[in-house]
Amino acid sequence: MKALAILLTMPVLALAQTREPPAAQGVQPYGVVDAGVVLERGCKDNCASSKVSPGISEGSRIGITGREPLGGNGTSAVFTLEGGVENDTGRSEEGRLLGRQAWVGLDGTWGMLTLGRQYNLQYEALAEVADPFHGGLAGTATNLMGFTTKRYDNAVKYRTPSGHQWSAGAIYSFGESEFSTSRNRAYGATLGFANGMFNVRIAHQRKRNPIEAVGTTQPVDLSARNTLVAANLEFGATTVFAAYGINRGLGSSPWDPANPYGALALTTPSLYSHDMLAGISYTSGRATYMASFIHKDDRSPPNHDADQAALGVVYALSRRTALHASFAHIRNRNGAAYTAGTASETGKGSRAITFGLRHAF
């Protein structure tokens, strides 16, 4: 029972959310279908008080992964193609066929080098190491921490071999803009240490993101710099989480990418902020309980501080199927407008309750 419940904690939620499926020779299809009911409150504008939403604890997706050994030198060709599915309506996520991941590369004793659309290292550190909700449910740390972009297009990414206590990685995303080769480029690096009980990771990313306006209107520069120190410590069935982040730039805090003009969700966005997270998870039988508290300290003139308190539970019905529920409350100050979202949606209110079902195949 304990082993079954642990599957619902860090290894499954973190790896499924931000990494490719476990390596195996040949081509393998896989996927996750996750849906539930979301109740939202505290909306500044009109919003649905209750709705069926996709991808609450994890983003619903269909993918194919493959691996082919190249000779006897321990190097393999690898690839992953993964598309997100809004399974409440059947539409594709973000309007892309393969919007979650689409990359090819080489994996060997020297590490892994991949090219294509991939998760960035700062988001991986937040979801895998810092957040007891692992980037999902109403309590996801992405409601207040980091910046919106989880993945980079046109990216080259390197990671050191797995199975060692020390790890490192680097990523570079080519801008490939029609205006300038430097426009919209991004890069980052990470360094980590894990010994089975203690896990710490430092990640830094920089992204240029000027949005071109039409006519005489000035461009909007949503560039971001984010540094994150994330850690967790495991005591048997209990894991304690902590993180500290420093964010600079107009696009360095969560904003609404659905707006066609790139306007920030906040009336006056934060240019400089510090994030602090403390959290805990506890596994008992088939259930895993999670709680976290996040404080965003806005140090720019608007002083848009915010606090988030969240609770959640995941109950394993089987190895691949689980029920989940969560609650999050964000207290915004001085006109801040952060919202309680989930793994797939940004949310519209400052409070959210979710109930759902997840099945992996």
Protein backbone atom coordinates (compact mmCIF):
# COMPACT_ATOMS: atom_id res chain seq x y z
CA MET A 1 0.00 0.00 0.00
CA LYS A 2 2.77 2.41 0.91
CA ALA A 3 4.58 1.79 -2.35
CA LEU A 4 1.32 2.39 -4.25
CA ALA A 5 0.74 5.69 -2.50
CA ILE A 6 4.28 6.89 -3.08
CA LEU A 7 3.59 6.61 -6.82
CA LEU A 8 1.23 9.54 -6.37
CA THR A 9 3.88 11.76 -4.81
CA MET A 10 7.02 13.23 -6.29
CA PRO A 11 8.17 10.62 -8.82
CA VAL A 12 4.90 10.32 -10.73
CA LEU A 13 3.62 13.88 -10.54
CA ALA A 14 6.97 15.54 -11.16
CA LEU A 15 8.26 13.28 -13.92
CA ALA A 16 4.93 13.06 -15.71
CA GLN A 17 4.54 16.82 -15.65
CA THR A 18 7.99 17.93 -16.82
CA ARG A 19 10.00 15.02 -18.19
CA GLU A 20 9.75 12.40 -20.89
CA PRO A 21 8.33 8.95 -19.98
CA PRO A 22 10.71 6.28 -18.61
CA ALA A 23 13.30 5.19 -21.14
CA ALA A 24 12.62 1.96 -23.01
CA GLN A 25 13.77 0.56 -26.33
CA GLY A 26 11.36 0.95 -29.24
CA VAL A 27 8.37 3.26 -29.64
CA GLN A 28 5.78 3.62 -26.87
CA PRO A 29 2.48 5.51 -26.81
CA TYR A 30 1.37 7.01 -23.49
CA GLY A 31 -0.99 9.57 -22.09
CA VAL A 32 -2.92 11.10 -19.20
CA VAL A 33 -6.61 12.01 -19.05
CA ASP A 34 -7.46 14.32 -16.16
CA ALA A 35 -10.70 16.24 -15.58
CA GLY A 36 -12.92 17.50 -12.79
CA VAL A 37 -15.10 20.27 -11.44
CA VAL A 38 -13.66 23.66 -10.49
CA LEU A 39 -15.51 26.16 -8.28
CA GLU A 40 -14.14 29.72 -8.54
CA ARG A 41 -14.76 32.69 -6.29
CA GLY A 42 -13.30 36.17 -5.90
CA CYS A 43 -13.39 37.15 -9.58
CA LYS A 44 -12.89 40.80 -10.45
CA ASP A 45 -14.79 40.33 -13.70
CA ASN A 46 -17.59 37.94 -14.53
CA CYS A 47 -16.52 34.30 -14.40
CA ALA A 48 -18.16 30.89 -14.25
CA SER A 49 -18.73 30.03 -10.61
CA SER A 50 -18.55 26.33 -11.47
CA LYS A 51 -17.25 24.50 -14.53
CA VAL A 52 -15.79 21.26 -15.83
CA SER A 53 -12.07 21.72 -16.46
CA PRO A 54 -9.37 19.59 -18.09
CA GLY A 55 -5.92 18.90 -16.69
CA ILE A 56 -6.44 19.84 -13.05
CA SER A 57 -3.69 17.80 -11.34
CA GLU A 58 -1.77 17.14 -14.58
CA GLY A 59 -2.20 18.33 -18.11
CA SER A 60 -4.20 15.85 -20.21
CA ARG A 61 -2.03 14.64 -23.09
CA ILE A 62 -1.29 12.01 -25.69
CA GLY A 63 2.30 11.25 -26.58
CA ILE A 64 4.75 8.95 -28.30
CA THR A 65 8.29 8.36 -27.07
CA GLY A 66 11.04 6.31 -28.62
CA ARG A 67 14.58 5.05 -28.08
CA GLU A 68 17.01 3.29 -30.42
CA PRO A 69 20.45 2.07 -29.25
CA LEU A 70 23.25 3.17 -31.58
CA GLY A 71 25.88 0.43 -31.61
CA GLY A 72 27.46 -0.79 -28.38
CA ASN A 73 28.78 2.52 -27.02
CA GLY A 74 25.83 3.18 -24.68
CA THR A 75 24.41 6.01 -26.81
CA SER A 76 20.79 5.99 -28.00
CA ALA A 77 18.69 8.14 -30.27
CA VAL A 78 15.62 9.40 -28.38
CA PHE A 79 12.53 11.43 -29.18
CA THR A 80 9.23 12.57 -27.66
CA LEU A 81 6.16 13.99 -29.41
CA GLU A 82 3.42 15.10 -27.02
CA GLY A 83 0.21 17.02 -27.57
CA GLY A 84 -2.03 18.53 -24.93
CA VAL A 85 -5.77 17.81 -24.95
CA GLU A 86 -8.54 19.95 -23.47
CA ASN A 87 -10.67 16.93 -22.74
CA ASP A 88 -13.67 18.95 -21.57
CA THR A 89 -14.22 20.08 -25.18
CA GLY A 90 -11.87 17.89 -27.24
CA ARG A 91 -9.79 20.83 -28.49
CA SER A 92 -6.01 20.75 -28.59
CA GLU A 93 -4.17 22.63 -25.86
CA GLU A 94 -2.80 26.04 -26.88
CA GLY A 95 -4.06 25.42 -30.43
CA ARG A 96 -0.97 23.32 -31.22
CA LEU A 97 -0.86 19.74 -32.42
CA LEU A 98 2.25 18.95 -30.34
CA GLY A 99 2.34 21.93 -28.00
CA ARG A 100 3.62 20.17 -24.90
CA GLN A 101 6.82 18.57 -26.18
CA ALA A 102 8.40 17.88 -29.57
CA TRP A 103 12.08 17.03 -29.49
CA VAL A 104 14.77 14.62 -30.72
CA GLY A 105 18.24 13.95 -29.36
CA LEU A 106 20.99 11.65 -28.15
CA ASP A 107 21.27 10.04 -24.71
CA GLY A 108 24.44 8.37 -23.43
CA THR A 109 26.88 7.99 -20.58
CA TRP A 110 27.99 11.57 -21.27
CA GLY A 111 24.47 12.97 -20.73
CA MET A 112 21.48 13.89 -22.92
CA LEU A 113 21.39 16.49 -25.71
CA THR A 114 17.98 17.31 -27.20
CA LEU A 115 16.59 19.78 -29.76
CA GLY A 116 13.04 21.10 -30.15
CA ARG A 117 10.19 22.36 -27.95
CA GLN A 118 11.07 21.47 -24.35
CA TYR A 119 10.44 22.36 -20.71
CA ASN A 120 12.73 25.08 -19.41
CA LEU A 121 14.96 24.39 -16.43
CA GLN A 122 13.48 27.00 -14.09
CA TYR A 123 10.00 25.49 -14.38
CA GLU A 124 11.40 21.98 -13.88
CA ALA A 125 13.09 23.04 -10.64
CA LEU A 126 9.86 24.66 -9.40
CA ALA A 127 7.58 21.73 -10.25
CA GLU A 128 9.91 18.83 -9.46
CA VAL A 129 11.71 20.06 -6.33
CA ALA A 130 9.98 23.07 -4.74
CA ASP A 131 6.25 22.54 -5.06
CA PRO A 132 4.40 19.85 -3.03
CA PHE A 133 1.60 20.14 -5.65
CA HIS A 134 4.16 19.64 -8.48
CA GLY A 135 2.63 22.30 -10.71
CA GLY A 136 -0.94 20.98 -10.48
CA LEU A 137 -4.23 21.28 -8.56
CA ALA A 138 -5.47 24.62 -7.25
CA GLY A 139 -2.38 24.98 -5.07
CA THR A 140 0.17 24.99 -7.88
CA ALA A 141 3.10 27.25 -7.10
CA THR A 142 2.90 28.72 -10.61
CA ASN A 143 -0.03 30.86 -9.44
CA LEU A 144 2.46 33.22 -7.79
CA MET A 145 5.98 32.03 -8.57
CA GLY A 146 8.14 32.08 -11.65
CA PHE A 147 6.87 33.30 -14.99
CA THR A 148 4.26 31.99 -17.40
CA THR A 149 6.42 30.22 -19.99
CA LYS A 150 6.93 26.55 -19.10
CA ARG A 151 8.46 25.53 -22.42
CA TYR A 152 10.85 27.02 -24.96
CA ASP A 153 10.56 26.66 -28.73
CA ASN A 154 13.65 26.15 -30.91
CA ALA A 155 15.63 24.98 -27.87
CA VAL A 156 18.88 23.08 -27.45
CA LYS A 157 19.06 21.41 -24.02
CA TYR A 158 21.76 19.43 -22.24
CA ARG A 159 21.48 17.43 -19.00
CA THR A 160 24.16 15.44 -17.22
CA PRO A 161 23.64 11.66 -16.84
CA SER A 162 21.01 10.56 -14.33
CA GLY A 163 21.82 8.33 -11.38
CA HIS A 164 24.42 10.63 -9.80
CA GLN A 165 24.12 12.83 -6.73
CA TRP A 166 25.25 15.95 -8.56
CA SER A 167 23.41 17.09 -11.69
CA ALA A 168 23.56 20.06 -14.04
CA GLY A 169 21.84 21.31 -17.16
CA ALA A 170 21.76 24.14 -19.66
CA ILE A 171 19.28 25.32 -22.28
CA TYR A 172 19.37 27.85 -25.13
CA SER A 173 16.33 28.87 -27.16
CA PHE A 174 16.95 30.61 -30.49
CA GLY A 175 14.74 33.65 -30.96
CA GLU A 176 14.05 33.05 -34.66
CA SER A 177 12.04 36.26 -34.90
CA GLU A 178 11.33 37.87 -38.26
CA PHE A 179 12.58 41.13 -36.78
CA SER A 180 15.84 40.08 -35.10
CA THR A 181 17.76 36.89 -34.30
CA SER A 182 18.14 38.06 -30.69
CA ARG A 183 14.46 38.87 -30.16
CA ASN A 184 12.63 36.32 -27.95
CA ARG A 185 15.71 34.21 -27.34
CA ALA A 186 16.13 32.58 -23.93
CA TYR A 187 18.74 30.69 -21.97
CA GLY A 188 19.20 29.15 -18.55
CA ALA A 189 21.19 26.77 -16.38
CA THR A 190 20.68 24.59 -13.33
CA LEU A 191 22.78 22.83 -10.70
CA GLY A 192 21.42 20.21 -8.31
CA PHE A 193 22.30 17.73 -5.57
CA ALA A 194 20.16 14.78 -4.44
CA ASN A 195 21.12 11.92 -2.13
CA GLY A 196 17.78 10.16 -1.74
CA MET A 197 16.75 12.08 1.38
CA PHE A 198 17.77 15.64 0.53
CA ASN A 199 17.19 17.33 -2.82
CA VAL A 200 18.29 20.87 -3.70
CA ARG A 201 18.42 22.63 -7.05
CA ILE A 202 19.39 26.13 -8.19
CA ALA A 203 18.02 27.37 -11.50
CA HIS A 204 18.36 30.63 -13.42
CA GLN A 205 16.73 31.69 -16.67
CA ARG A 206 16.64 34.81 -18.84
CA LYS A 207 14.11 35.36 -21.61
CA ARG A 208 13.78 38.24 -24.04
CA ASN A 209 10.15 38.74 -24.98
CA PRO A 210 9.35 42.07 -26.64
CA ILE A 211 5.88 42.06 -28.20
CA GLU A 212 5.68 44.10 -31.39
CA ALA A 213 2.77 46.53 -31.51
CA VAL A 214 0.96 47.82 -34.59
CA GLY A 215 1.34 51.32 -35.99
CA THR A 216 2.84 53.97 -33.73
CA THR A 217 2.22 52.12 -30.46
CA GLN A 218 5.43 51.31 -28.61
CA PRO A 219 6.44 47.64 -28.24
CA VAL A 220 5.79 45.93 -24.90
CA ASP A 221 8.89 44.31 -23.45
CA LEU A 222 7.93 41.31 -21.30
CA SER A 223 11.50 40.13 -20.76
CA ALA A 224 12.18 38.17 -17.58
CA ARG A 225 15.01 37.07 -15.31
CA ASN A 226 14.20 34.43 -12.70
CA THR A 227 16.45 32.77 -10.14
CA LEU A 228 15.12 29.97 -7.94
CA VAL A 229 16.60 27.97 -5.07
CA ALA A 230 14.42 24.90 -4.42
CA ALA A 231 14.80 22.12 -1.85
CA ASN A 232 12.94 19.29 -0.20
CA LEU A 233 13.78 16.90 2.64
CA GLU A 234 12.15 13.48 3.03
CA PHE A 235 11.45 11.87 6.40
CA GLY A 236 9.82 8.54 5.61
CA ALA A 237 6.23 9.32 4.62
CA THR A 238 6.70 13.08 5.13
CA THR A 239 8.44 15.48 2.75
CA VAL A 240 9.14 19.12 3.63
CA PHE A 241 9.50 21.68 0.81
CA ALA A 242 11.05 25.15 0.64
CA ALA A 243 11.96 27.62 -2.09
CA TYR A 244 13.17 31.19 -2.57
CA GLY A 245 12.94 33.05 -5.88
CA ILE A 246 14.08 36.42 -7.22
CA ASN A 247 12.29 37.84 -10.28
CA ARG A 248 13.11 40.88 -12.43
CA GLY A 249 11.49 42.26 -15.57
CA LEU A 250 8.00 43.08 -16.79
CA GLY A 251 7.29 39.45 -17.66
CA SER A 252 8.96 37.89 -14.62
CA SER A 253 5.72 37.13 -12.73
CA PRO A 254 2.65 35.13 -13.82
CA TRP A 255 0.54 36.88 -16.46
CA ASP A 256 -2.28 35.94 -18.82
CA PRO A 257 -0.89 34.69 -22.17
CA ALA A 258 -4.41 34.31 -23.60
CA ASN A 259 -4.68 38.07 -24.04
CA PRO A 260 -3.91 38.71 -27.74
CA TYR A 261 -2.07 41.91 -26.92
CA GLY A 262 0.07 40.37 -24.20
CA ALA A 263 -1.40 42.69 -21.58
CA LEU A 264 -0.54 41.65 -18.06
CA ALA A 265 -3.19 40.28 -15.74
CA LEU A 266 -2.03 42.84 -13.20
CA THR A 267 -3.08 46.45 -13.68
CA THR A 268 0.47 47.61 -12.99
CA PRO A 269 2.81 44.62 -13.28
CA SER A 270 5.65 43.81 -10.93
CA LEU A 271 9.15 44.63 -12.15
CA TYR A 272 10.99 43.19 -9.16
CA SER A 273 9.77 40.64 -6.62
CA HIS A 274 10.90 37.95 -4.21
CA ASP A 275 9.00 34.68 -3.72
CA MET A 276 9.04 32.43 -0.65
CA LEU A 277 7.46 28.97 -0.39
CA ALA A 278 7.03 26.50 2.48
CA GLY A 279 5.18 23.23 2.02
CA ILE A 280 4.68 19.66 3.19
CA SER A 281 3.31 16.37 1.86
CA TYR A 282 2.36 13.26 3.85
CA THR A 283 1.53 9.78 2.56
CA SER A 284 -0.78 7.49 4.52
CA GLY A 285 -1.99 4.32 2.85
CA ARG A 286 -3.39 5.23 -0.56
CA ALA A 287 -3.74 8.95 0.24
CA THR A 288 -1.18 11.71 -0.15
CA TYR A 289 -1.94 15.03 1.58
CA MET A 290 -0.33 18.32 0.52
CA ALA A 291 -0.19 21.84 1.93
CA SER A 292 1.79 24.96 1.05
CA PHE A 293 2.07 28.66 1.77
CA ILE A 294 3.57 31.14 -0.70
CA HIS A 295 4.38 34.82 -0.17
CA LYS A 296 5.13 37.15 -3.08
CA ASP A 297 6.99 40.23 -1.94
CA ASP A 298 6.64 42.85 -4.67
CA ARG A 299 9.48 45.34 -4.33
CA SER A 300 8.49 47.56 -7.24
CA PRO A 301 6.52 50.80 -6.53
CA PRO A 302 2.96 49.32 -6.83
CA ASN A 303 3.83 46.92 -3.98
CA HIS A 304 1.53 44.18 -5.31
CA ASP A 305 2.11 41.65 -2.57
CA ALA A 306 0.15 38.40 -2.44
CA ASP A 307 -0.13 35.30 -0.26
CA GLN A 308 -1.42 31.87 -1.22
CA ALA A 309 -2.49 29.11 1.17
CA ALA A 310 -3.41 25.73 -0.32
CA LEU A 311 -4.48 22.21 0.68
CA GLY A 312 -4.81 19.10 -1.47
CA VAL A 313 -5.22 15.33 -1.42
CA VAL A 314 -4.64 12.58 -4.00
CA TYR A 315 -6.16 9.13 -3.41
CA ALA A 316 -4.94 6.17 -5.47
CA LEU A 317 -7.69 3.89 -6.74
CA SER A 318 -5.10 1.84 -8.63
CA ARG A 319 -1.58 2.21 -9.93
CA ARG A 320 -2.78 4.39 -12.83
CA THR A 321 -6.01 5.97 -11.56
CA ALA A 322 -6.50 8.48 -8.75
CA LEU A 323 -9.05 10.86 -7.29
CA HIS A 324 -7.91 14.34 -6.28
CA ALA A 325 -9.25 17.42 -4.51
CA SER A 326 -7.73 20.78 -3.62
CA PHE A 327 -8.40 24.26 -2.27
CA ALA A 328 -6.42 27.47 -2.72
CA HIS A 329 -6.96 31.00 -1.45
CA ILE A 330 -4.91 33.96 -2.67
CA ARG A 331 -4.92 37.17 -0.68
CA ASN A 332 -4.05 40.03 -3.05
CA ARG A 333 -2.89 43.39 -1.74
CA ASN A 334 -2.75 46.90 -3.19
CA GLY A 335 -4.60 45.99 -6.36
CA ALA A 336 -2.74 42.79 -7.22
CA ALA A 337 -4.78 40.35 -9.33
CA TYR A 338 -3.16 36.93 -9.04
CA THR A 339 -5.55 34.03 -9.61
CA ALA A 340 -5.84 30.42 -8.45
CA GLY A 341 -5.29 28.21 -11.49
CA THR A 342 -4.55 24.53 -12.10
CA ALA A 343 -2.07 22.51 -14.16
CA SER A 344 -3.74 23.63 -17.42
CA GLU A 345 -5.68 26.81 -16.67
CA THR A 346 -4.70 30.14 -15.13
CA GLY A 347 -8.01 30.60 -13.31
CA LYS A 348 -10.06 33.77 -12.89
CA GLY A 349 -10.72 34.05 -9.16
CA SER A 350 -8.65 34.44 -6.03
CA ARG A 351 -10.18 31.26 -4.55
CA ALA A 352 -10.70 27.84 -6.10
CA ILE A 353 -11.93 24.39 -5.06
CA THR A 354 -11.34 21.40 -7.32
CA PHE A 355 -12.53 17.79 -7.45
CA GLY A 356 -11.35 15.43 -10.17
CA LEU A 357 -10.16 12.11 -11.56
CA ARG A 358 -6.88 11.26 -13.28
CA HIS A 359 -6.08 8.17 -15.35
CA ALA A 360 -2.71 7.42 -16.95
CA PHE A 361 -2.08 4.92 -19.73
